[in-house]
Amino acid sequence: MSLSSEKLQFFRMLLTQKINELLEDAEKTVADMTDSKENYPDPTDRASLESDRNFELRMRDRERRLIAKMQEAIKRIDEGEFGVCEVCGGPISEKRLIARPVTTLCIDCKTRQEKLEKLKGE
């Protein structure tokens, strides 16, 4: 069961929209950090600001990796591989794709992978 062109278009739109949202957030973060003229003489306040900035940067880094995964998913749509499990070659359920459109594994292969990781202690 492959996805219809309408469904593929839906996923392309969903992924593109999410990428654009994440890029806007990233631009806002950069603007906030560069516009910020905060100067805290108190070491505790400065440490708090640095901690907040580090957290924000870690979040943006995670989002950057997610954007790359979304771009790969769009590429799979273009190549006719979207919704196909990269391990078994079977279909990935539409329900799973809606929940996680960047996934490359069907639920059975993902479950197996997680069990193996748990056994290895990863």
N, C-alpha and C. Protein backbone atom coordinates (compact mmCIF):
# COMPACT_ATOMS: atom_id res chain seq x y z
N MET A 1 0.85 -1.18 0.00
CA MET A 1 0.00 0.00 0.00
C MET A 1 0.89 1.24 0.00
N SER A 2 0.94 1.93 -1.09
CA SER A 2 1.70 3.17 -1.12
C SER A 2 0.73 4.34 -0.92
N LEU A 3 1.26 5.45 -0.52
CA LEU A 3 0.44 6.62 -0.24
C LEU A 3 0.00 7.30 -1.53
N SER A 4 -1.20 7.83 -1.52
CA SER A 4 -1.72 8.54 -2.69
C SER A 4 -0.96 9.85 -2.86
N SER A 5 -1.04 10.41 -4.05
CA SER A 5 -0.35 11.68 -4.30
C SER A 5 -0.91 12.79 -3.40
N GLU A 6 -2.21 12.72 -3.06
CA GLU A 6 -2.79 13.72 -2.16
C GLU A 6 -2.18 13.61 -0.77
N LYS A 7 -2.00 12.37 -0.30
CA LYS A 7 -1.39 12.15 1.03
C LYS A 7 0.07 12.62 1.02
N LEU A 8 0.78 12.31 -0.05
CA LEU A 8 2.18 12.73 -0.15
C LEU A 8 2.27 14.26 -0.14
N GLN A 9 1.34 14.91 -0.84
CA GLN A 9 1.31 16.37 -0.87
C GLN A 9 1.02 16.92 0.52
N PHE A 10 0.12 16.24 1.26
CA PHE A 10 -0.19 16.64 2.63
C PHE A 10 1.07 16.58 3.50
N PHE A 11 1.82 15.48 3.39
CA PHE A 11 3.03 15.34 4.21
C PHE A 11 4.10 16.35 3.80
N ARG A 12 4.22 16.61 2.51
CA ARG A 12 5.18 17.62 2.04
C ARG A 12 4.83 18.99 2.65
N MET A 13 3.55 19.34 2.62
CA MET A 13 3.10 20.61 3.17
C MET A 13 3.35 20.66 4.68
N LEU A 14 3.03 19.58 5.37
CA LEU A 14 3.22 19.50 6.82
C LEU A 14 4.70 19.69 7.18
N LEU A 15 5.57 18.99 6.49
CA LEU A 15 7.01 19.07 6.75
C LEU A 15 7.55 20.47 6.43
N THR A 16 7.15 21.02 5.30
CA THR A 16 7.61 22.35 4.89
C THR A 16 7.16 23.41 5.88
N GLN A 17 5.93 23.30 6.32
CA GLN A 17 5.37 24.25 7.29
C GLN A 17 6.16 24.18 8.60
N LYS A 18 6.45 22.98 9.07
CA LYS A 18 7.18 22.81 10.33
C LYS A 18 8.62 23.34 10.20
N ILE A 19 9.25 23.09 9.06
CA ILE A 19 10.60 23.61 8.82
C ILE A 19 10.58 25.14 8.90
N ASN A 20 9.61 25.76 8.24
CA ASN A 20 9.51 27.22 8.24
C ASN A 20 9.30 27.78 9.65
N GLU A 21 8.46 27.09 10.45
CA GLU A 21 8.23 27.52 11.83
C GLU A 21 9.53 27.45 12.64
N LEU A 22 10.26 26.35 12.50
CA LEU A 22 11.51 26.18 13.25
C LEU A 22 12.55 27.22 12.83
N LEU A 23 12.62 27.51 11.53
CA LEU A 23 13.57 28.51 11.05
C LEU A 23 13.21 29.90 11.57
N GLU A 24 11.92 30.22 11.63
CA GLU A 24 11.49 31.52 12.18
C GLU A 24 11.88 31.62 13.65
N ASP A 25 11.67 30.54 14.41
CA ASP A 25 12.04 30.53 15.83
C ASP A 25 13.54 30.73 15.99
N ALA A 26 14.32 30.08 15.14
CA ALA A 26 15.78 30.20 15.21
C ALA A 26 16.20 31.64 14.93
N GLU A 27 15.60 32.26 13.92
CA GLU A 27 15.93 33.65 13.60
C GLU A 27 15.58 34.57 14.76
N LYS A 28 14.44 34.29 15.40
CA LYS A 28 14.02 35.10 16.54
C LYS A 28 15.03 34.96 17.70
N THR A 29 15.50 33.74 17.92
CA THR A 29 16.49 33.50 18.98
C THR A 29 17.77 34.26 18.72
N VAL A 30 18.25 34.18 17.48
CA VAL A 30 19.48 34.90 17.13
C VAL A 30 19.29 36.40 17.32
N ALA A 31 18.15 36.91 16.86
CA ALA A 31 17.87 38.34 17.01
C ALA A 31 17.82 38.73 18.48
N ASP A 32 17.16 37.92 19.30
CA ASP A 32 17.06 38.21 20.73
C ASP A 32 18.43 38.21 21.39
N MET A 33 19.27 37.26 20.99
CA MET A 33 20.60 37.15 21.61
C MET A 33 21.53 38.28 21.17
N THR A 34 21.38 38.71 19.92
CA THR A 34 22.26 39.79 19.44
C THR A 34 21.75 41.16 19.87
N ASP A 35 20.43 41.32 20.01
CA ASP A 35 19.86 42.61 20.45
C ASP A 35 20.04 42.81 21.95
N SER A 36 20.17 41.71 22.66
CA SER A 36 20.22 41.77 24.12
C SER A 36 21.47 42.51 24.60
N LYS A 37 21.23 43.56 25.34
CA LYS A 37 22.33 44.35 25.88
C LYS A 37 22.41 44.16 27.41
N GLU A 38 21.92 43.01 27.86
CA GLU A 38 21.89 42.77 29.30
C GLU A 38 23.30 42.70 29.87
N ASN A 39 23.48 43.43 30.93
CA ASN A 39 24.76 43.41 31.62
C ASN A 39 24.46 43.26 33.10
N TYR A 40 24.70 42.07 33.62
CA TYR A 40 24.38 41.79 35.01
C TYR A 40 25.65 41.77 35.85
N PRO A 41 25.79 42.76 36.73
CA PRO A 41 26.97 42.77 37.59
C PRO A 41 26.94 41.63 38.60
N ASP A 42 25.75 41.21 38.98
CA ASP A 42 25.62 40.13 39.96
C ASP A 42 25.97 38.79 39.32
N PRO A 43 26.94 38.06 39.87
CA PRO A 43 27.37 36.78 39.29
C PRO A 43 26.24 35.75 39.18
N THR A 44 25.33 35.77 40.12
CA THR A 44 24.21 34.81 40.09
C THR A 44 23.28 35.11 38.92
N ASP A 45 23.00 36.38 38.71
CA ASP A 45 22.15 36.77 37.57
C ASP A 45 22.83 36.43 36.25
N ARG A 46 24.14 36.69 36.18
CA ARG A 46 24.90 36.38 34.96
C ARG A 46 24.89 34.88 34.70
N ALA A 47 25.07 34.09 35.75
CA ALA A 47 25.07 32.63 35.61
C ALA A 47 23.70 32.14 35.14
N SER A 48 22.66 32.75 35.66
CA SER A 48 21.30 32.38 35.26
C SER A 48 21.07 32.69 33.78
N LEU A 49 21.53 33.88 33.36
CA LEU A 49 21.40 34.27 31.95
C LEU A 49 22.17 33.29 31.05
N GLU A 50 23.40 32.96 31.43
CA GLU A 50 24.21 32.01 30.65
C GLU A 50 23.54 30.65 30.58
N SER A 51 22.98 30.22 31.69
CA SER A 51 22.29 28.92 31.73
C SER A 51 21.09 28.93 30.78
N ASP A 52 20.32 30.01 30.81
CA ASP A 52 19.17 30.14 29.92
C ASP A 52 19.60 30.14 28.45
N ARG A 53 20.68 30.86 28.16
CA ARG A 53 21.18 30.92 26.78
C ARG A 53 21.67 29.55 26.31
N ASN A 54 22.40 28.86 27.19
CA ASN A 54 22.88 27.52 26.83
C ASN A 54 21.73 26.57 26.55
N PHE A 55 20.69 26.66 27.38
CA PHE A 55 19.50 25.82 27.16
C PHE A 55 18.87 26.15 25.81
N GLU A 56 18.72 27.44 25.53
CA GLU A 56 18.13 27.88 24.27
C GLU A 56 18.95 27.38 23.07
N LEU A 57 20.26 27.46 23.18
CA LEU A 57 21.13 27.00 22.09
C LEU A 57 21.04 25.49 21.91
N ARG A 58 20.94 24.75 23.00
CA ARG A 58 20.77 23.28 22.88
C ARG A 58 19.45 22.94 22.19
N MET A 59 18.40 23.69 22.53
CA MET A 59 17.10 23.47 21.88
C MET A 59 17.19 23.75 20.38
N ARG A 60 17.86 24.84 20.02
CA ARG A 60 18.00 25.19 18.61
C ARG A 60 18.82 24.14 17.87
N ASP A 61 19.82 23.58 18.54
CA ASP A 61 20.63 22.53 17.91
C ASP A 61 19.78 21.29 17.64
N ARG A 62 18.95 20.93 18.59
CA ARG A 62 18.04 19.79 18.39
C ARG A 62 17.10 20.08 17.22
N GLU A 63 16.61 21.31 17.15
CA GLU A 63 15.71 21.69 16.07
C GLU A 63 16.44 21.68 14.73
N ARG A 64 17.70 22.07 14.73
CA ARG A 64 18.50 22.04 13.49
C ARG A 64 18.59 20.60 12.96
N ARG A 65 18.82 19.66 13.87
CA ARG A 65 18.89 18.25 13.45
C ARG A 65 17.53 17.76 12.96
N LEU A 66 16.45 18.23 13.60
CA LEU A 66 15.11 17.85 13.18
C LEU A 66 14.81 18.41 11.79
N ILE A 67 15.25 19.63 11.52
CA ILE A 67 15.06 20.23 10.19
C ILE A 67 15.74 19.36 9.14
N ALA A 68 16.96 18.89 9.43
CA ALA A 68 17.68 18.03 8.48
C ALA A 68 16.89 16.74 8.23
N LYS A 69 16.31 16.18 9.27
CA LYS A 69 15.50 14.96 9.11
C LYS A 69 14.26 15.25 8.27
N MET A 70 13.66 16.41 8.47
CA MET A 70 12.48 16.79 7.70
C MET A 70 12.84 16.99 6.23
N GLN A 71 13.99 17.59 5.98
CA GLN A 71 14.44 17.76 4.60
C GLN A 71 14.70 16.40 3.94
N GLU A 72 15.23 15.46 4.71
CA GLU A 72 15.43 14.10 4.19
C GLU A 72 14.09 13.44 3.88
N ALA A 73 13.09 13.67 4.73
CA ALA A 73 11.76 13.11 4.49
C ALA A 73 11.16 13.67 3.19
N ILE A 74 11.34 14.97 2.96
CA ILE A 74 10.85 15.58 1.72
C ILE A 74 11.57 14.96 0.52
N LYS A 75 12.85 14.71 0.68
CA LYS A 75 13.62 14.06 -0.39
C LYS A 75 13.07 12.65 -0.66
N ARG A 76 12.70 11.94 0.41
CA ARG A 76 12.12 10.60 0.24
C ARG A 76 10.77 10.69 -0.49
N ILE A 77 10.01 11.76 -0.24
CA ILE A 77 8.75 11.96 -0.97
C ILE A 77 9.07 12.10 -2.45
N ASP A 78 10.08 12.94 -2.76
CA ASP A 78 10.47 13.18 -4.15
C ASP A 78 10.94 11.90 -4.84
N GLU A 79 11.62 11.04 -4.08
CA GLU A 79 12.18 9.82 -4.65
C GLU A 79 11.24 8.62 -4.58
N GLY A 80 10.03 8.84 -4.06
CA GLY A 80 9.05 7.76 -3.98
C GLY A 80 9.33 6.74 -2.89
N GLU A 81 10.13 7.14 -1.89
CA GLU A 81 10.48 6.22 -0.81
C GLU A 81 9.82 6.57 0.52
N PHE A 82 9.07 7.64 0.55
CA PHE A 82 8.42 8.07 1.78
C PHE A 82 7.34 7.06 2.17
N GLY A 83 7.32 6.69 3.44
CA GLY A 83 6.30 5.75 3.92
C GLY A 83 6.70 4.30 3.74
N VAL A 84 7.96 4.07 3.33
CA VAL A 84 8.48 2.71 3.15
C VAL A 84 9.56 2.48 4.19
N CYS A 85 9.44 1.40 4.95
CA CYS A 85 10.41 1.07 5.99
C CYS A 85 11.76 0.76 5.36
N GLU A 86 12.82 1.39 5.88
CA GLU A 86 14.15 1.18 5.32
C GLU A 86 14.76 -0.15 5.74
N VAL A 87 14.14 -0.84 6.69
CA VAL A 87 14.67 -2.14 7.13
C VAL A 87 13.98 -3.29 6.39
N CYS A 88 12.64 -3.34 6.48
CA CYS A 88 11.93 -4.48 5.90
C CYS A 88 11.31 -4.18 4.54
N GLY A 89 11.24 -2.89 4.16
CA GLY A 89 10.66 -2.53 2.87
C GLY A 89 9.15 -2.48 2.88
N GLY A 90 8.56 -2.75 4.03
CA GLY A 90 7.09 -2.72 4.14
C GLY A 90 6.59 -1.30 4.34
N PRO A 91 5.28 -1.13 4.28
CA PRO A 91 4.70 0.21 4.45
C PRO A 91 4.75 0.67 5.91
N ILE A 92 4.95 1.96 6.08
CA ILE A 92 4.85 2.58 7.41
C ILE A 92 3.42 3.11 7.49
N SER A 93 2.73 2.79 8.59
CA SER A 93 1.32 3.18 8.69
C SER A 93 1.16 4.69 8.63
N GLU A 94 0.04 5.09 8.05
CA GLU A 94 -0.25 6.52 7.93
C GLU A 94 -0.36 7.16 9.31
N LYS A 95 -0.91 6.42 10.25
CA LYS A 95 -1.04 6.90 11.63
C LYS A 95 0.34 7.23 12.20
N ARG A 96 1.31 6.35 11.95
CA ARG A 96 2.67 6.56 12.44
C ARG A 96 3.31 7.76 11.75
N LEU A 97 3.09 7.88 10.44
CA LEU A 97 3.65 9.00 9.69
C LEU A 97 3.08 10.34 10.14
N ILE A 98 1.82 10.35 10.52
CA ILE A 98 1.22 11.59 11.01
C ILE A 98 1.85 11.96 12.35
N ALA A 99 2.05 10.96 13.21
CA ALA A 99 2.65 11.20 14.52
C ALA A 99 4.12 11.61 14.40
N ARG A 100 4.82 10.99 13.47
CA ARG A 100 6.26 11.25 13.30
C ARG A 100 6.62 11.17 11.82
N PRO A 101 6.39 12.26 11.07
CA PRO A 101 6.60 12.21 9.62
C PRO A 101 8.05 11.98 9.18
N VAL A 102 9.02 12.12 10.09
CA VAL A 102 10.42 11.90 9.72
C VAL A 102 10.85 10.44 9.88
N THR A 103 9.95 9.60 10.37
CA THR A 103 10.32 8.21 10.64
C THR A 103 10.70 7.46 9.36
N THR A 104 11.64 6.54 9.53
CA THR A 104 12.06 5.71 8.39
C THR A 104 11.81 4.23 8.68
N LEU A 105 11.20 3.94 9.84
CA LEU A 105 10.95 2.55 10.24
C LEU A 105 9.47 2.32 10.53
N CYS A 106 8.98 1.16 10.13
CA CYS A 106 7.62 0.78 10.51
C CYS A 106 7.63 0.49 12.01
N ILE A 107 6.47 0.39 12.60
CA ILE A 107 6.39 0.22 14.05
C ILE A 107 7.04 -1.09 14.51
N ASP A 108 6.91 -2.15 13.73
CA ASP A 108 7.51 -3.43 14.12
C ASP A 108 9.04 -3.35 14.14
N CYS A 109 9.63 -2.77 13.11
CA CYS A 109 11.09 -2.63 13.05
C CYS A 109 11.60 -1.68 14.13
N LYS A 110 10.85 -0.61 14.39
CA LYS A 110 11.25 0.34 15.43
C LYS A 110 11.20 -0.34 16.80
N THR A 111 10.15 -1.12 17.05
CA THR A 111 10.03 -1.83 18.32
C THR A 111 11.19 -2.80 18.50
N ARG A 112 11.52 -3.52 17.44
CA ARG A 112 12.67 -4.44 17.49
C ARG A 112 13.97 -3.69 17.79
N GLN A 113 14.15 -2.57 17.11
CA GLN A 113 15.35 -1.75 17.31
C GLN A 113 15.46 -1.28 18.77
N GLU A 114 14.34 -0.83 19.33
CA GLU A 114 14.35 -0.35 20.71
C GLU A 114 14.64 -1.47 21.70
N LYS A 115 14.11 -2.67 21.43
CA LYS A 115 14.39 -3.81 22.31
C LYS A 115 15.86 -4.16 22.27
N LEU A 116 16.46 -4.14 21.08
CA LEU A 116 17.91 -4.43 20.94
C LEU A 116 18.74 -3.38 21.68
N GLU A 117 18.36 -2.12 21.54
CA GLU A 117 19.08 -1.04 22.23
C GLU A 117 19.00 -1.21 23.73
N LYS A 118 17.81 -1.63 24.21
CA LYS A 118 17.62 -1.84 25.64
C LYS A 118 18.50 -2.98 26.15
N LEU A 119 18.59 -4.04 25.34
CA LEU A 119 19.44 -5.19 25.70
C LEU A 119 20.91 -4.80 25.74
N LYS A 120 21.32 -3.95 24.79
CA LYS A 120 22.71 -3.51 24.73
C LYS A 120 23.02 -2.45 25.78
N GLY A 121 21.97 -1.88 26.35
CA GLY A 121 22.15 -0.85 27.36
C GLY A 121 22.47 0.52 26.79
N GLU A 122 22.00 0.80 25.59
CA GLU A 122 22.24 2.11 24.96
C GLU A 122 21.25 3.13 25.45
